[in-house]
Amino acid sequence: MQSDVGFIPELTLGQRLRVARETTGLEQREFAAELGTSRQTIGAAENGRTKPRELLLRAWAMRTGVNLEWLRTGNAKTPPSGDDGVLARHEGFEPPTF
């Protein structure tokens, strides 16, 4: 894909999953243990042999901090921002106040 800022390679779902996991610094076995699944499940998803279920995709995104939509599709919308340029926090994710 060509853009105004240069070439952006298109990655498969498995490649995106691997890239996201690698950002954590965890090996497949460690990552699988954190997500409550098997190393074989992680390996099969990263190698494109299986498509992970939605629940696993969501856990993958949460654990890695990678945008869920990017994991699913390879595209991510720009997050909304407030008038001051600070990213808006989703309702329900306010920090607790004591």
PDB file of N, CA and C in Angstrom:
ATOM      1  N   MET A   1       0.842  -1.166   0.000  1.00  0.00           N
ATOM      2  CA  MET A   1       0.000   0.000   0.000  1.00  0.00           C
ATOM      3  C   MET A   1       0.896   1.241   0.000  1.00  0.00           C
ATOM      4  N   GLN A   2       0.588   2.209  -0.834  1.00  0.00           N
ATOM      5  CA  GLN A   2       1.361   3.448  -0.927  1.00  0.00           C
ATOM      6  C   GLN A   2       0.607   4.545  -0.191  1.00  0.00           C
ATOM      7  N   SER A   3       1.299   5.336   0.587  1.00  0.00           N
ATOM      8  CA  SER A   3       0.679   6.461   1.284  1.00  0.00           C
ATOM      9  C   SER A   3       1.506   7.711   1.047  1.00  0.00           C
ATOM     10  N   ASP A   4       1.057   8.812   1.612  1.00  0.00           N
ATOM     11  CA  ASP A   4       1.781  10.071   1.468  1.00  0.00           C
ATOM     12  C   ASP A   4       3.118  10.064   2.186  1.00  0.00           C
ATOM     13  N   VAL A   5       3.276   9.189   3.158  1.00  0.00           N
ATOM     14  CA  VAL A   5       4.513   9.167   3.943  1.00  0.00           C
ATOM     15  C   VAL A   5       5.420   8.002   3.570  1.00  0.00           C
ATOM     16  N   GLY A   6       5.057   7.218   2.589  1.00  0.00           N
ATOM     17  CA  GLY A   6       5.888   6.097   2.166  1.00  0.00           C
ATOM     18  C   GLY A   6       5.120   4.801   2.140  1.00  0.00           C
ATOM     19  N   PHE A   7       5.842   3.748   1.866  1.00  0.00           N
ATOM     20  CA  PHE A   7       5.274   2.410   1.740  1.00  0.00           C
ATOM     21  C   PHE A   7       4.912   1.851   3.105  1.00  0.00           C
ATOM     22  N   ILE A   8       3.694   1.319   3.237  1.00  0.00           N
ATOM     23  CA  ILE A   8       3.258   0.656   4.463  1.00  0.00           C
ATOM     24  C   ILE A   8       2.961  -0.798   4.091  1.00  0.00           C
ATOM     25  N   PRO A   9       3.756  -1.746   4.609  1.00  0.00           N
ATOM     26  CA  PRO A   9       3.529  -3.145   4.242  1.00  0.00           C
ATOM     27  C   PRO A   9       2.219  -3.660   4.829  1.00  0.00           C
ATOM     28  N   GLU A  10       1.540  -4.495   4.063  1.00  0.00           N
ATOM     29  CA  GLU A  10       0.320  -5.122   4.554  1.00  0.00           C
ATOM     30  C   GLU A  10       0.706  -6.425   5.219  1.00  0.00           C
ATOM     31  N   LEU A  11       0.270  -6.601   6.446  1.00  0.00           N
ATOM     32  CA  LEU A  11       0.597  -7.789   7.215  1.00  0.00           C
ATOM     33  C   LEU A  11      -0.626  -8.689   7.322  1.00  0.00           C
ATOM     34  N   THR A  12      -0.397  -9.985   7.375  1.00  0.00           N
ATOM     35  CA  THR A  12      -1.489 -10.925   7.608  1.00  0.00           C
ATOM     36  C   THR A  12      -1.899 -10.850   9.073  1.00  0.00           C
ATOM     37  N   LEU A  13      -3.032 -11.431   9.396  1.00  0.00           N
ATOM     38  CA  LEU A  13      -3.476 -11.478  10.779  1.00  0.00           C
ATOM     39  C   LEU A  13      -2.410 -12.132  11.650  1.00  0.00           C
ATOM     40  N   GLY A  14      -1.883 -13.248  11.205  1.00  0.00           N
ATOM     41  CA  GLY A  14      -0.859 -13.948  11.976  1.00  0.00           C
ATOM     42  C   GLY A  14       0.378 -13.094  12.215  1.00  0.00           C
ATOM     43  N   GLN A  15       0.790 -12.363  11.205  1.00  0.00           N
ATOM     44  CA  GLN A  15       1.953 -11.481  11.363  1.00  0.00           C
ATOM     45  C   GLN A  15       1.664 -10.366  12.357  1.00  0.00           C
ATOM     46  N   ARG A  16       0.456  -9.800  12.303  1.00  0.00           N
ATOM     47  CA  ARG A  16       0.097  -8.754  13.254  1.00  0.00           C
ATOM     48  C   ARG A  16       0.075  -9.297  14.676  1.00  0.00           C
ATOM     49  N   LEU A  17      -0.451 -10.507  14.844  1.00  0.00           N
ATOM     50  CA  LEU A  17      -0.478 -11.126  16.168  1.00  0.00           C
ATOM     51  C   LEU A  17       0.937 -11.340  16.692  1.00  0.00           C
ATOM     52  N   ARG A  18       1.828 -11.827  15.830  1.00  0.00           N
ATOM     53  CA  ARG A  18       3.217 -12.069  16.242  1.00  0.00           C
ATOM     54  C   ARG A  18       3.903 -10.757  16.618  1.00  0.00           C
ATOM     55  N   VAL A  19       3.741  -9.739  15.780  1.00  0.00           N
ATOM     56  CA  VAL A  19       4.350  -8.439  16.062  1.00  0.00           C
ATOM     57  C   VAL A  19       3.845  -7.910  17.405  1.00  0.00           C
ATOM     58  N   ALA A  20       2.544  -8.011  17.640  1.00  0.00           N
ATOM     59  CA  ALA A  20       1.974  -7.535  18.904  1.00  0.00           C
ATOM     60  C   ALA A  20       2.568  -8.306  20.079  1.00  0.00           C
ATOM     61  N   ARG A  21       2.628  -9.632  19.978  1.00  0.00           N
ATOM     62  CA  ARG A  21       3.192 -10.430  21.077  1.00  0.00           C
ATOM     63  C   ARG A  21       4.641 -10.079  21.310  1.00  0.00           C
ATOM     64  N   GLU A  22       5.402  -9.914  20.245  1.00  0.00           N
ATOM     65  CA  GLU A  22       6.830  -9.614  20.388  1.00  0.00           C
ATOM     66  C   GLU A  22       7.073  -8.281  21.089  1.00  0.00           C
ATOM     67  N   THR A  23       6.109  -7.361  21.016  1.00  0.00           N
ATOM     68  CA  THR A  23       6.283  -6.092  21.731  1.00  0.00           C
ATOM     69  C   THR A  23       6.287  -6.290  23.237  1.00  0.00           C
ATOM     70  N   THR A  24       5.729  -7.409  23.701  1.00  0.00           N
ATOM     71  CA  THR A  24       5.711  -7.687  25.140  1.00  0.00           C
ATOM     72  C   THR A  24       7.026  -8.279  25.616  1.00  0.00           C
ATOM     73  N   GLY A  25       7.837  -8.795  24.679  1.00  0.00           N
ATOM     74  CA  GLY A  25       9.079  -9.447  25.059  1.00  0.00           C
ATOM     75  C   GLY A  25       8.873 -10.869  25.541  1.00  0.00           C
ATOM     76  N   LEU A  26       7.650 -11.383  25.402  1.00  0.00           N
ATOM     77  CA  LEU A  26       7.348 -12.727  25.873  1.00  0.00           C
ATOM     78  C   LEU A  26       7.448 -13.751  24.751  1.00  0.00           C
ATOM     79  N   GLU A  27       7.913 -14.937  25.100  1.00  0.00           N
ATOM     80  CA  GLU A  27       7.892 -16.062  24.167  1.00  0.00           C
ATOM     81  C   GLU A  27       6.460 -16.595  24.110  1.00  0.00           C
ATOM     82  N   GLN A  28       6.186 -17.412  23.096  1.00  0.00           N
ATOM     83  CA  GLN A  28       4.830 -17.941  22.920  1.00  0.00           C
ATOM     84  C   GLN A  28       4.324 -18.653  24.169  1.00  0.00           C
ATOM     85  N   ARG A  29       5.160 -19.453  24.802  1.00  0.00           N
ATOM     86  CA  ARG A  29       4.730 -20.222  25.981  1.00  0.00           C
ATOM     87  C   ARG A  29       4.331 -19.286  27.136  1.00  0.00           C
ATOM     88  N   GLU A  30       5.136 -18.272  27.378  1.00  0.00           N
ATOM     89  CA  GLU A  30       4.850 -17.314  28.460  1.00  0.00           C
ATOM     90  C   GLU A  30       3.580 -16.516  28.155  1.00  0.00           C
ATOM     91  N   PHE A  31       3.473 -16.091  26.907  1.00  0.00           N
ATOM     92  CA  PHE A  31       2.314 -15.311  26.486  1.00  0.00           C
ATOM     93  C   PHE A  31       1.041 -16.145  26.620  1.00  0.00           C
ATOM     94  N   ALA A  32       1.108 -17.396  26.185  1.00  0.00           N
ATOM     95  CA  ALA A  32      -0.044 -18.296  26.280  1.00  0.00           C
ATOM     96  C   ALA A  32      -0.477 -18.470  27.731  1.00  0.00           C
ATOM     97  N   ALA A  33       0.490 -18.633  28.621  1.00  0.00           N
ATOM     98  CA  ALA A  33       0.163 -18.798  30.039  1.00  0.00           C
ATOM     99  C   ALA A  33      -0.559 -17.562  30.578  1.00  0.00           C
ATOM    100  N   GLU A  34      -0.117 -16.383  30.173  1.00  0.00           N
ATOM    101  CA  GLU A  34      -0.763 -15.148  30.635  1.00  0.00           C
ATOM    102  C   GLU A  34      -2.190 -15.019  30.103  1.00  0.00           C
ATOM    103  N   LEU A  35      -2.419 -15.537  28.886  1.00  0.00           N
ATOM    104  CA  LEU A  35      -3.760 -15.440  28.296  1.00  0.00           C
ATOM    105  C   LEU A  35      -4.641 -16.626  28.668  1.00  0.00           C
ATOM    106  N   GLY A  36      -4.062 -17.620  29.341  1.00  0.00           N
ATOM    107  CA  GLY A  36      -4.850 -18.785  29.744  1.00  0.00           C
ATOM    108  C   GLY A  36      -5.148 -19.739  28.609  1.00  0.00           C
ATOM    109  N   THR A  37      -4.208 -19.866  27.676  1.00  0.00           N
ATOM    110  CA  THR A  37      -4.379 -20.774  26.550  1.00  0.00           C
ATOM    111  C   THR A  37      -3.088 -21.561  26.360  1.00  0.00           C
ATOM    112  N   SER A  38      -2.986 -22.337  25.301  1.00  0.00           N
ATOM    113  CA  SER A  38      -1.792 -23.152  25.070  1.00  0.00           C
ATOM    114  C   SER A  38      -0.819 -22.479  24.104  1.00  0.00           C
ATOM    115  N   ARG A  39       0.427 -22.884  24.157  1.00  0.00           N
ATOM    116  CA  ARG A  39       1.424 -22.385  23.223  1.00  0.00           C
ATOM    117  C   ARG A  39       1.033 -22.774  21.808  1.00  0.00           C
ATOM    118  N   GLN A  40       0.432 -23.947  21.641  1.00  0.00           N
ATOM    119  CA  GLN A  40       0.011 -24.404  20.316  1.00  0.00           C
ATOM    120  C   GLN A  40      -1.051 -23.475  19.727  1.00  0.00           C
ATOM    121  N   THR A  41      -1.958 -22.984  20.563  1.00  0.00           N
ATOM    122  CA  THR A  41      -2.989 -22.048  20.097  1.00  0.00           C
ATOM    123  C   THR A  41      -2.352 -20.752  19.616  1.00  0.00           C
ATOM    124  N   ILE A  42      -1.384 -20.250  20.392  1.00  0.00           N
ATOM    125  CA  ILE A  42      -0.693 -19.011  20.013  1.00  0.00           C
ATOM    126  C   ILE A  42       0.078 -19.236  18.715  1.00  0.00           C
ATOM    127  N   GLY A  43       0.805 -20.339  18.626  1.00  0.00           N
ATOM    128  CA  GLY A  43       1.591 -20.645  17.434  1.00  0.00           C
ATOM    129  C   GLY A  43       0.728 -20.810  16.195  1.00  0.00           C
ATOM    130  N   ALA A  44      -0.404 -21.500  16.348  1.00  0.00           N
ATOM    131  CA  ALA A  44      -1.299 -21.716  15.206  1.00  0.00           C
ATOM    132  C   ALA A  44      -1.880 -20.395  14.711  1.00  0.00           C
ATOM    133  N   ALA A  45      -2.203 -19.494  15.644  1.00  0.00           N
ATOM    134  CA  ALA A  45      -2.746 -18.186  15.251  1.00  0.00           C
ATOM    135  C   ALA A  45      -1.674 -17.368  14.539  1.00  0.00           C
ATOM    136  N   GLU A  46      -0.456 -17.364  15.080  1.00  0.00           N
ATOM    137  CA  GLU A  46       0.616 -16.577  14.477  1.00  0.00           C
ATOM    138  C   GLU A  46       1.063 -17.134  13.133  1.00  0.00           C
ATOM    139  N   ASN A  47       0.943 -18.434  12.952  1.00  0.00           N
ATOM    140  CA  ASN A  47       1.325 -19.050  11.680  1.00  0.00           C
ATOM    141  C   ASN A  47       0.192 -19.059  10.663  1.00  0.00           C
ATOM    142  N   GLY A  48      -0.983 -18.552  11.045  1.00  0.00           N
ATOM    143  CA  GLY A  48      -2.107 -18.469  10.121  1.00  0.00           C
ATOM    144  C   GLY A  48      -2.840 -19.776   9.917  1.00  0.00           C
ATOM    145  N   ARG A  49      -2.563 -20.777  10.745  1.00  0.00           N
ATOM    146  CA  ARG A  49      -3.263 -22.062  10.607  1.00  0.00           C
ATOM    147  C   ARG A  49      -4.691 -21.980  11.131  1.00  0.00           C
ATOM    148  N   THR A  50      -4.900 -21.121  12.144  1.00  0.00           N
ATOM    149  CA  THR A  50      -6.242 -20.923  12.687  1.00  0.00           C
ATOM    150  C   THR A  50      -6.475 -19.439  12.904  1.00  0.00           C
ATOM    151  N   LYS A  51      -7.739 -19.066  12.899  1.00  0.00           N
ATOM    152  CA  LYS A  51      -8.111 -17.677  13.215  1.00  0.00           C
ATOM    153  C   LYS A  51      -8.580 -17.683  14.669  1.00  0.00           C
ATOM    154  N   PRO A  52      -7.958 -16.862  15.502  1.00  0.00           N
ATOM    155  CA  PRO A  52      -8.354 -16.866  16.912  1.00  0.00           C
ATOM    156  C   PRO A  52      -9.780 -16.364  17.108  1.00  0.00           C
ATOM    157  N   ARG A  53     -10.433 -16.898  18.142  1.00  0.00           N
ATOM    158  CA  ARG A  53     -11.777 -16.446  18.489  1.00  0.00           C
ATOM    159  C   ARG A  53     -11.715 -15.007  18.994  1.00  0.00           C
ATOM    160  N   GLU A  54     -12.864 -14.352  18.965  1.00  0.00           N
ATOM    161  CA  GLU A  54     -12.956 -12.949  19.372  1.00  0.00           C
ATOM    162  C   GLU A  54     -12.427 -12.732  20.785  1.00  0.00           C
ATOM    163  N   LEU A  55     -12.743 -13.623  21.702  1.00  0.00           N
ATOM    164  CA  LEU A  55     -12.296 -13.473  23.084  1.00  0.00           C
ATOM    165  C   LEU A  55     -10.768 -13.464  23.163  1.00  0.00           C
ATOM    166  N   LEU A  56     -10.118 -14.350  22.413  1.00  0.00           N
ATOM    167  CA  LEU A  56      -8.658 -14.386  22.407  1.00  0.00           C
ATOM    168  C   LEU A  56      -8.082 -13.138  21.749  1.00  0.00           C
ATOM    169  N   LEU A  57      -8.693 -12.676  20.665  1.00  0.00           N
ATOM    170  CA  LEU A  57      -8.231 -11.439  20.024  1.00  0.00           C
ATOM    171  C   LEU A  57      -8.295 -10.257  20.990  1.00  0.00           C
ATOM    172  N   ARG A  58      -9.388 -10.178  21.732  1.00  0.00           N
ATOM    173  CA  ARG A  58      -9.538  -9.082  22.695  1.00  0.00           C
ATOM    174  C   ARG A  58      -8.494  -9.178  23.805  1.00  0.00           C
ATOM    175  N   ALA A  59      -8.263 -10.384  24.303  1.00  0.00           N
ATOM    176  CA  ALA A  59      -7.253 -10.569  25.343  1.00  0.00           C
ATOM    177  C   ALA A  59      -5.868 -10.230  24.804  1.00  0.00           C
ATOM    178  N   TRP A  60      -5.600 -10.620  23.554  1.00  0.00           N
ATOM    179  CA  TRP A  60      -4.319 -10.341  22.900  1.00  0.00           C
ATOM    180  C   TRP A  60      -4.091  -8.833  22.837  1.00  0.00           C
ATOM    181  N   ALA A  61      -5.118  -8.124  22.400  1.00  0.00           N
ATOM    182  CA  ALA A  61      -5.013  -6.664  22.283  1.00  0.00           C
ATOM    183  C   ALA A  61      -4.816  -6.020  23.654  1.00  0.00           C
ATOM    184  N   MET A  62      -5.566  -6.471  24.639  1.00  0.00           N
ATOM    185  CA  MET A  62      -5.444  -5.889  25.975  1.00  0.00           C
ATOM    186  C   MET A  62      -4.060  -6.147  26.564  1.00  0.00           C
ATOM    187  N   ARG A  63      -3.560  -7.371  26.424  1.00  0.00           N
ATOM    188  CA  ARG A  63      -2.267  -7.705  27.028  1.00  0.00           C
ATOM    189  C   ARG A  63      -1.114  -6.979  26.353  1.00  0.00           C
ATOM    190  N   THR A  64      -1.216  -6.793  25.040  1.00  0.00           N
ATOM    191  CA  THR A  64      -0.116  -6.178  24.301  1.00  0.00           C
ATOM    192  C   THR A  64      -0.241  -4.659  24.213  1.00  0.00           C
ATOM    193  N   GLY A  65      -1.443  -4.138  24.461  1.00  0.00           N
ATOM    194  CA  GLY A  65      -1.657  -2.701  24.323  1.00  0.00           C
ATOM    195  C   GLY A  65      -1.808  -2.267  22.873  1.00  0.00           C
ATOM    196  N   VAL A  66      -2.002  -3.230  21.983  1.00  0.00           N
ATOM    197  CA  VAL A  66      -2.142  -2.959  20.553  1.00  0.00           C
ATOM    198  C   VAL A  66      -3.625  -2.770  20.226  1.00  0.00           C
ATOM    199  N   ASN A  67      -3.917  -1.855  19.330  1.00  0.00           N
ATOM    200  CA  ASN A  67      -5.272  -1.549  18.901  1.00  0.00           C
ATOM    201  C   ASN A  67      -5.979  -2.798  18.382  1.00  0.00           C
ATOM    202  N   LEU A  68      -7.155  -3.102  18.945  1.00  0.00           N
ATOM    203  CA  LEU A  68      -7.914  -4.294  18.559  1.00  0.00           C
ATOM    204  C   LEU A  68      -8.297  -4.275  17.084  1.00  0.00           C
ATOM    205  N   GLU A  69      -8.738  -3.132  16.598  1.00  0.00           N
ATOM    206  CA  GLU A  69      -9.133  -3.041  15.180  1.00  0.00           C
ATOM    207  C   GLU A  69      -7.939  -3.310  14.272  1.00  0.00           C
ATOM    208  N   TRP A  70      -6.749  -2.836  14.660  1.00  0.00           N
ATOM    209  CA  TRP A  70      -5.552  -3.108  13.863  1.00  0.00           C
ATOM    210  C   TRP A  70      -5.253  -4.598  13.867  1.00  0.00           C
ATOM    211  N   LEU A  71      -5.391  -5.256  15.020  1.00  0.00           N
ATOM    212  CA  LEU A  71      -5.169  -6.706  15.043  1.00  0.00           C
ATOM    213  C   LEU A  71      -6.126  -7.404  14.091  1.00  0.00           C
ATOM    214  N   ARG A  72      -7.403  -7.034  14.136  1.00  0.00           N
ATOM    215  CA  ARG A  72      -8.411  -7.685  13.292  1.00  0.00           C
ATOM    216  C   ARG A  72      -8.181  -7.442  11.803  1.00  0.00           C
ATOM    217  N   THR A  73      -7.938  -6.177  11.432  1.00  0.00           N
ATOM    218  CA  THR A  73      -8.006  -5.797  10.021  1.00  0.00           C
ATOM    219  C   THR A  73      -6.711  -5.262   9.421  1.00  0.00           C
ATOM    220  N   GLY A  74      -5.787  -4.838  10.259  1.00  0.00           N
ATOM    221  CA  GLY A  74      -4.583  -4.190   9.749  1.00  0.00           C
ATOM    222  C   GLY A  74      -4.760  -2.697   9.584  1.00  0.00           C
ATOM    223  N   ASN A  75      -5.942  -2.189   9.921  1.00  0.00           N
ATOM    224  CA  ASN A  75      -6.222  -0.757   9.857  1.00  0.00           C
ATOM    225  C   ASN A  75      -6.677  -0.291  11.225  1.00  0.00           C
ATOM    226  N   ALA A  76      -6.334   0.917  11.564  1.00  0.00           N
ATOM    227  CA  ALA A  76      -6.782   1.477  12.832  1.00  0.00           C
ATOM    228  C   ALA A  76      -7.216   2.914  12.612  1.00  0.00           C
ATOM    229  N   LYS A  77      -8.350   3.244  13.162  1.00  0.00           N
ATOM    230  CA  LYS A  77      -8.828   4.623  13.088  1.00  0.00           C
ATOM    231  C   LYS A  77      -8.031   5.462  14.067  1.00  0.00           C
ATOM    232  N   THR A  78      -7.906   6.735  13.773  1.00  0.00           N
ATOM    233  CA  THR A  78      -7.257   7.654  14.689  1.00  0.00           C
ATOM    234  C   THR A  78      -8.153   7.808  15.904  1.00  0.00           C
ATOM    235  N   PRO A  79      -7.598   7.643  17.121  1.00  0.00           N
ATOM    236  CA  PRO A  79      -8.444   7.760  18.311  1.00  0.00           C
ATOM    237  C   PRO A  79      -8.985   9.175  18.465  1.00  0.00           C
ATOM    238  N   PRO A  80     -10.184   9.294  19.061  1.00  0.00           N
ATOM    239  CA  PRO A  80     -10.756  10.626  19.252  1.00  0.00           C
ATOM    240  C   PRO A  80      -9.927  11.424  20.243  1.00  0.00           C
ATOM    241  N   SER A  81      -9.925  12.728  20.065  1.00  0.00           N
ATOM    242  CA  SER A  81      -9.220  13.579  21.018  1.00  0.00           C
ATOM    243  C   SER A  81     -10.129  14.727  21.424  1.00  0.00           C
ATOM    244  N   GLY A  82      -9.854  15.270  22.600  1.00  0.00           N
ATOM    245  CA  GLY A  82     -10.616  16.414  23.085  1.00  0.00           C
ATOM    246  C   GLY A  82     -10.128  17.680  22.427  1.00  0.00           C
ATOM    247  N   ASP A  83     -10.733  18.775  22.779  1.00  0.00           N
ATOM    248  CA  ASP A  83     -10.346  20.063  22.214  1.00  0.00           C
ATOM    249  C   ASP A  83      -8.915  20.438  22.542  1.00  0.00           C
ATOM    250  N   ASP A  84      -8.405  19.950  23.687  1.00  0.00           N
ATOM    251  CA  ASP A  84      -7.055  20.301  24.098  1.00  0.00           C
ATOM    252  C   ASP A  84      -6.002  19.347  23.539  1.00  0.00           C
ATOM    253  N   GLY A  85      -6.414  18.411  22.686  1.00  0.00           N
ATOM    254  CA  GLY A  85      -5.469  17.479  22.090  1.00  0.00           C
ATOM    255  C   GLY A  85      -5.180  16.269  22.950  1.00  0.00           C
ATOM    256  N   VAL A  86      -5.754  16.202  24.142  1.00  0.00           N
ATOM    257  CA  VAL A  86      -5.563  15.059  25.024  1.00  0.00           C
ATOM    258  C   VAL A  86      -6.547  13.979  24.609  1.00  0.00           C
ATOM    259  N   LEU A  87      -6.090  12.753  24.558  1.00  0.00           N
ATOM    260  CA  LEU A  87      -6.970  11.662  24.157  1.00  0.00           C
ATOM    261  C   LEU A  87      -8.119  11.514  25.135  1.00  0.00           C
ATOM    262  N   ALA A  88      -9.304  11.291  24.581  1.00  0.00           N
ATOM    263  CA  ALA A  88     -10.481  11.094  25.418  1.00  0.00           C
ATOM    264  C   ALA A  88     -10.453   9.695  26.016  1.00  0.00           C
ATOM    265  N   ARG A  89     -10.843   9.589  27.263  1.00  0.00           N
ATOM    266  CA  ARG A  89     -10.910   8.294  27.939  1.00  0.00           C
ATOM    267  C   ARG A  89     -12.315   7.744  27.739  1.00  0.00           C
ATOM    268  N   HIS A  90     -12.424   6.456  27.402  1.00  0.00           N
ATOM    269  CA  HIS A  90     -13.727   5.830  27.230  1.00  0.00           C
ATOM    270  C   HIS A  90     -14.501   5.899  28.531  1.00  0.00           C
ATOM    271  N   GLU A  91     -15.802   6.124  28.422  1.00  0.00           N
ATOM    272  CA  GLU A  91     -16.642   6.176  29.599  1.00  0.00           C
ATOM    273  C   GLU A  91     -16.555   4.840  30.333  1.00  0.00           C
ATOM    274  N   GLY A  92     -16.421   4.903  31.631  1.00  0.00           N
ATOM    275  CA  GLY A  92     -16.293   3.694  32.428  1.00  0.00           C
ATOM    276  C   GLY A  92     -14.843   3.367  32.756  1.00  0.00           C
ATOM    277  N   PHE A  93     -13.900   4.081  32.160  1.00  0.00           N
ATOM    278  CA  PHE A  93     -12.489   3.834  32.416  1.00  0.00           C
ATOM    279  C   PHE A  93     -11.857   4.986  33.192  1.00  0.00           C
ATOM    280  N   GLU A  94     -12.704   5.710  33.927  1.00  0.00           N
ATOM    281  CA  GLU A  94     -12.179   6.809  34.737  1.00  0.00           C
ATOM    282  C   GLU A  94     -11.381   6.220  35.898  1.00  0.00           C
ATOM    283  N   PRO A  95     -10.300   6.885  36.287  1.00  0.00           N
ATOM    284  CA  PRO A  95      -9.557   6.377  37.439  1.00  0.00           C
ATOM    285  C   PRO A  95     -10.379   6.530  38.709  1.00  0.00           C
ATOM    286  N   PRO A  96     -10.227   5.596  39.656  1.00  0.00           N
ATOM    287  CA  PRO A  96     -10.997   5.709  40.889  1.00  0.00           C
ATOM    288  C   PRO A  96     -10.548   6.925  41.692  1.00  0.00           C
ATOM    289  N   THR A  97     -11.474   7.544  42.360  1.00  0.00           N
ATOM    290  CA  THR A  97     -11.163   8.653  43.248  1.00  0.00           C
ATOM    291  C   THR A  97     -11.551   8.241  44.658  1.00  0.00           C
ATOM    292  N   PHE A  98     -10.722   8.559  45.582  1.00  0.00           N
ATOM    293  CA  PHE A  98     -10.968   8.155  46.970  1.00  0.00           C
ATOM    294  C   PHE A  98     -11.120   9.360  47.852  1.00  0.00           C
TER     295      PHE A  98
END
